[in-house]
Protein backbone atom coordinates (compact mmCIF):
# COMPACT_ATOMS: atom_id res chain seq x y z
CA MET A 1 -185.28 2.77 239.83
CA THR A 2 -188.55 1.22 238.72
CA ILE A 3 -191.54 2.74 237.01
CA GLY A 4 -195.16 1.71 237.14
CA ARG A 5 -194.60 -1.31 234.88
CA SER A 6 -191.47 -2.54 236.79
CA SER A 7 -189.01 -1.66 234.07
CA THR A 8 -185.45 -0.52 234.89
CA PRO A 9 -184.15 2.52 232.99
CA GLY A 10 -181.25 1.88 230.63
CA LEU A 11 -178.41 4.34 230.12
CA ARG A 12 -176.21 4.65 227.05
CA LEU A 13 -174.04 7.18 225.28
CA ALA A 14 -175.57 8.92 222.25
CA GLY A 15 -172.44 10.33 220.64
CA ASP A 16 -169.67 12.16 222.46
CA SER A 17 -171.86 14.80 224.08
CA ALA A 18 -175.14 13.14 225.08
CA PHE A 19 -176.57 10.37 227.21
CA LEU A 20 -179.86 8.63 226.55
CA ILE A 21 -181.95 7.22 229.39
CA GLU A 22 -184.36 4.65 227.98
CA LEU A 23 -187.51 3.38 229.67
CA GLU A 24 -189.97 0.70 228.62
CA ALA A 25 -190.78 0.84 224.89
CA VAL A 26 -194.51 1.58 225.25
CA ILE A 27 -196.80 4.61 225.01
CA ASP A 28 -198.06 4.73 228.57
CA PRO A 29 -198.85 7.57 231.02
CA ALA A 30 -196.79 5.93 233.78
CA VAL A 31 -193.72 5.72 231.54
CA SER A 32 -194.25 9.30 230.36
CA ALA A 33 -194.56 10.48 233.96
CA LYS A 34 -191.31 8.72 234.84
CA ALA A 35 -189.48 10.42 231.96
CA ILE A 36 -190.80 13.82 233.07
CA ALA A 37 -189.78 13.16 236.68
CA ILE A 38 -186.26 12.16 235.61
CA ALA A 39 -185.91 15.29 233.47
CA SER A 40 -187.15 17.52 236.28
CA ALA A 41 -184.71 15.95 238.76
CA LEU A 42 -181.80 16.38 236.35
CA LEU A 43 -182.64 20.03 235.75
CA GLY A 44 -182.71 20.52 239.50
CA ALA A 45 -179.28 18.90 239.89
CA ASN A 46 -177.61 21.77 237.99
CA VAL A 47 -174.72 19.64 236.72
CA ALA A 48 -172.03 21.85 235.17
CA GLY A 49 -171.98 21.79 231.38
CA VAL A 50 -175.40 20.23 230.85
CA ARG A 51 -176.87 22.04 227.85
CA ASP A 52 -180.31 20.51 227.55
CA VAL A 53 -182.58 17.82 228.99
CA VAL A 54 -185.05 16.48 226.43
CA THR A 55 -188.00 14.19 227.14
CA ALA A 56 -189.83 11.94 224.69
CA TYR A 57 -192.48 9.22 225.02
CA ARG A 58 -190.21 6.84 226.88
CA SER A 59 -186.74 8.36 227.03
CA VAL A 60 -184.73 11.30 228.28
CA ALA A 61 -181.77 12.73 226.36
CA VAL A 62 -179.14 14.68 228.29
CA PHE A 63 -176.92 16.93 226.17
CA PHE A 64 -173.68 18.19 227.73
CA ASP A 65 -170.40 19.93 226.95
CA PRO A 66 -167.71 17.22 227.15
CA LEU A 67 -165.06 19.90 227.85
CA VAL A 68 -166.94 21.10 230.92
CA THR A 69 -169.02 18.24 232.28
CA ASP A 70 -167.54 15.66 234.63
CA ALA A 71 -168.97 12.41 233.22
CA ASP A 72 -168.86 10.64 236.58
CA VAL A 73 -170.77 13.48 238.24
CA LEU A 74 -173.36 13.41 235.47
CA ARG A 75 -173.72 9.63 235.65
CA SER A 76 -174.28 9.90 239.40
CA ALA A 77 -176.90 12.63 238.88
CA MET A 78 -178.70 10.53 236.25
CA THR A 79 -178.70 7.48 238.52
CA GLU A 80 -180.20 9.56 241.31
CA ALA A 81 -182.73 11.17 238.96
CA CYS A 82 -183.97 7.73 237.92
CA ARG A 83 -185.17 7.30 241.50
CA ALA A 84 -187.47 10.33 241.19
CA THR A 85 -191.12 9.63 241.95
CA PRO A 86 -193.41 10.22 238.95
CA GLN A 87 -196.74 12.05 239.14
CA VAL A 88 -198.99 10.71 236.38
CA THR A 89 -201.71 13.33 236.94
CA SER A 90 -199.35 16.33 237.03
CA GLY A 91 -199.54 19.20 234.58
CA ALA A 92 -202.08 21.73 233.38
CA SER A 93 -205.65 21.03 232.22
CA ILE A 94 -206.38 22.78 228.92
CA ASP A 95 -209.55 22.99 226.81
CA VAL A 96 -209.07 23.76 223.11
CA PRO A 97 -212.02 24.93 220.96
CA VAL A 98 -212.13 23.17 217.58
CA SER A 99 -214.10 23.69 214.39
CA TYR A 100 -214.54 20.19 212.97
CA GLY A 101 -215.07 19.22 209.32
CA GLY A 102 -215.57 21.30 206.20
CA GLU A 103 -212.61 23.37 205.07
CA ASP A 104 -211.18 23.14 208.58
CA GLY A 105 -211.27 19.35 208.61
CA PRO A 106 -210.77 18.07 205.06
CA ASP A 107 -210.14 14.47 206.16
CA LEU A 108 -213.17 14.08 208.41
CA GLU A 109 -215.38 12.54 205.71
CA SER A 110 -212.78 10.03 204.52
CA LEU A 111 -211.84 9.12 208.08
CA SER A 112 -215.50 8.48 208.87
CA VAL A 113 -215.65 6.10 205.89
CA TRP A 114 -212.50 4.35 207.15
CA ALA A 115 -214.00 4.09 210.65
CA GLN A 116 -217.42 3.03 209.28
CA MET A 117 -219.27 5.63 211.32
CA ALA A 118 -220.91 8.99 210.75
CA PRO A 119 -218.72 12.13 210.85
CA ASP A 120 -220.57 13.30 213.97
CA ALA A 121 -219.66 10.02 215.66
CA VAL A 122 -215.99 10.55 214.79
CA ILE A 123 -216.16 14.05 216.28
CA GLU A 124 -217.87 12.74 219.41
CA ARG A 125 -215.19 10.08 219.90
CA HIS A 126 -212.38 12.57 219.40
CA ALA A 127 -213.88 15.29 221.59
CA SER A 128 -215.04 13.02 224.41
CA ALA A 129 -211.55 11.95 225.50
CA THR A 130 -208.99 13.67 227.70
CA TYR A 131 -205.54 13.43 226.12
CA ARG A 132 -202.16 13.41 227.78
CA VAL A 133 -199.33 15.45 226.26
CA PHE A 134 -196.56 12.89 225.98
CA MET A 135 -193.94 15.09 224.32
CA LEU A 136 -193.26 18.05 222.06
CA GLY A 137 -191.54 17.64 218.70
CA PHE A 138 -191.48 17.96 214.90
CA LEU A 139 -192.28 21.70 215.09
CA PRO A 140 -191.93 24.18 217.98
CA GLY A 141 -194.97 23.63 220.20
CA PHE A 142 -196.26 20.52 218.38
CA ALA A 143 -197.68 18.33 221.16
CA TYR A 144 -197.95 14.58 220.67
CA MET A 145 -201.09 13.59 222.57
CA GLY A 146 -202.79 10.28 223.26
CA SER A 147 -204.35 8.00 223.26
CA VAL A 148 -206.94 8.22 220.48
CA ASP A 149 -209.91 5.82 220.50
CA THR A 150 -208.89 2.81 218.39
CA ALA A 151 -212.11 3.10 216.37
CA ILE A 152 -210.92 6.40 214.84
CA ALA A 153 -207.16 5.79 214.99
CA ALA A 154 -206.59 6.10 211.23
CA PRO A 155 -203.00 5.93 209.93
CA ARG A 156 -201.09 8.82 208.40
CA HIS A 157 -201.54 9.63 204.74
CA ALA A 158 -199.26 7.59 202.49
CA THR A 159 -198.30 10.87 200.79
CA PRO A 160 -198.11 13.90 203.11
CA ARG A 161 -199.65 17.21 202.16
CA THR A 162 -197.21 19.93 201.25
CA ARG A 163 -199.25 22.48 203.20
CA VAL A 164 -201.23 22.01 206.40
CA PRO A 165 -202.65 25.25 207.89
CA ALA A 166 -201.67 26.42 211.35
CA GLY A 167 -204.10 25.21 214.01
CA SER A 168 -205.06 22.04 212.10
CA VAL A 169 -206.09 19.20 214.42
CA GLY A 170 -204.97 15.81 213.19
CA ILE A 171 -204.97 12.10 213.97
CA ALA A 172 -202.14 9.66 213.27
CA GLY A 173 -202.89 6.24 214.69
CA ARG A 174 -203.48 6.59 218.41
CA GLN A 175 -201.89 10.04 218.47
CA THR A 176 -203.58 13.40 218.02
CA GLY A 177 -202.06 16.86 217.77
CA ILE A 178 -202.30 20.45 216.57
CA TYR A 179 -200.05 21.96 213.91
CA PRO A 180 -198.67 25.14 215.50
CA CYS A 181 -197.78 26.71 212.15
CA GLU A 182 -198.27 26.04 208.46
CA SER A 183 -196.11 23.12 207.37
CA PRO A 184 -196.07 19.89 205.40
CA GLY A 185 -197.74 17.00 207.22
CA GLY A 186 -199.30 13.60 206.83
CA TRP A 187 -201.80 13.43 209.68
CA GLN A 188 -205.55 13.04 209.09
CA VAL A 189 -206.85 16.61 209.52
CA ILE A 190 -210.34 16.58 211.05
CA GLY A 191 -210.62 20.13 212.41
CA ARG A 192 -208.91 23.39 213.24
CA THR A 193 -208.46 25.65 216.23
CA ARG A 194 -207.81 29.40 216.18
CA THR A 195 -206.03 29.18 219.52
CA PRO A 196 -202.32 30.07 219.18
CA VAL A 197 -200.37 26.94 220.06
CA PHE A 198 -196.91 28.47 219.86
CA ASP A 199 -196.01 32.12 220.29
CA PRO A 200 -192.32 33.06 220.76
CA SER A 201 -193.34 36.33 222.40
CA ARG A 202 -195.25 34.43 225.10
CA GLN A 203 -193.73 32.95 228.26
CA PRO A 204 -193.72 30.01 227.98
CA ALA A 205 -193.90 30.07 224.19
CA SER A 206 -195.65 26.71 223.92
CA LEU A 207 -199.24 26.34 225.10
CA PHE A 208 -198.56 22.71 226.00
CA ALA A 209 -195.96 20.88 228.07
CA PRO A 210 -195.33 17.18 228.68
CA GLY A 211 -197.72 15.93 231.35
CA ASP A 212 -200.55 18.33 230.50
CA SER A 213 -204.13 17.12 229.97
CA VAL A 214 -206.01 18.38 226.91
CA ARG A 215 -209.66 18.27 225.84
CA PHE A 216 -210.98 19.30 222.44
CA VAL A 217 -214.25 21.24 222.60
CA ARG A 218 -216.47 21.27 219.53
CA GLU A 219 -217.28 24.83 218.50
CA ILE A 220 -216.64 27.30 215.70
CA ALA A 221 -214.49 29.63 217.72
CA GLY A 222 -213.72 30.41 221.31
CA PRO A 223 -211.49 32.32 223.70
CA ALA A 224 -207.90 31.35 224.29
CA PRO A 225 -207.79 28.53 226.84
CA ARG A 226 -206.54 29.03 230.35
CA ARG A 227 -204.42 26.65 232.38
CA ALA A 228 -206.39 25.15 235.25
CA VAL A 229 -203.30 23.84 237.02
CA GLY A 230 -199.77 25.24 236.94
CA ARG A 231 -196.78 23.22 235.86
CA VAL A 232 -195.24 20.99 238.48
CA LEU A 233 -191.87 20.69 236.75
CA SER A 234 -188.97 22.76 238.00
CA ASP A 235 -188.82 24.22 234.50
CA PRO A 236 -191.01 27.35 234.47
CA ALA A 237 -189.50 28.55 231.19
CA GLY A 238 -190.70 25.43 229.41
CA THR A 239 -187.17 24.34 228.43
CA ILE A 240 -187.93 20.63 228.62
CA ALA A 241 -188.26 19.93 224.92
CA PRO A 242 -188.99 16.81 222.86
CA MET A 243 -186.69 14.10 221.63
CA ARG A 244 -185.04 15.26 218.42
CA GLY A 245 -185.88 13.59 215.14
CA GLN A 246 -189.60 13.16 215.63
CA SER A 247 -191.69 13.74 212.53
CA SER A 248 -195.28 14.30 211.61
């Protein structure tokens, strides 16, 4: 029951209808891969009464119906799932076209001042990395990705905006992400994509899933991205969702 950093998962009740499996308290691809593997194994176990299996950066929440689920059976399934072998490189590879700066990236100039580098250098740093999708949360389809180069890892705004346009690409510390719809938000907005991130009429509705790899491509506009690799989770409908309570 160990992960890449030799940490043993912890199990505790989270109310009267949920368990929480906790891994090492770090943002790390190996820990993320372990959480995804546990969630996949639990979904495959088909324990009666389990309503949802939710992954986050370093935890898995299991929601169940206490009138239906046998707690001992579920505990046994969770113990077995914790032995699942993670695959750090699993998931789809997705390129996302981004228009950086200007009206699409109102925080690019101020972030470049914070980072003490030219705006083009900020863009180069952001677009040169491949980011892992650690989890989904805050809004439907909002992918928390990392890790951002420390040189441009500016903190959130002290006072969030009341309106951030759909498709806005932001930075918050070592995280980066795309707002799937217009909403309030405090991330440093440096660009925007016209690629639909979340579409309830699409299957799966979310463009991203935990374990995916994402690259941002600097351009004004571009075609909708295609997945280079299919999902490896036994969850083709994309029902593995993020830990509740995450914010942006």
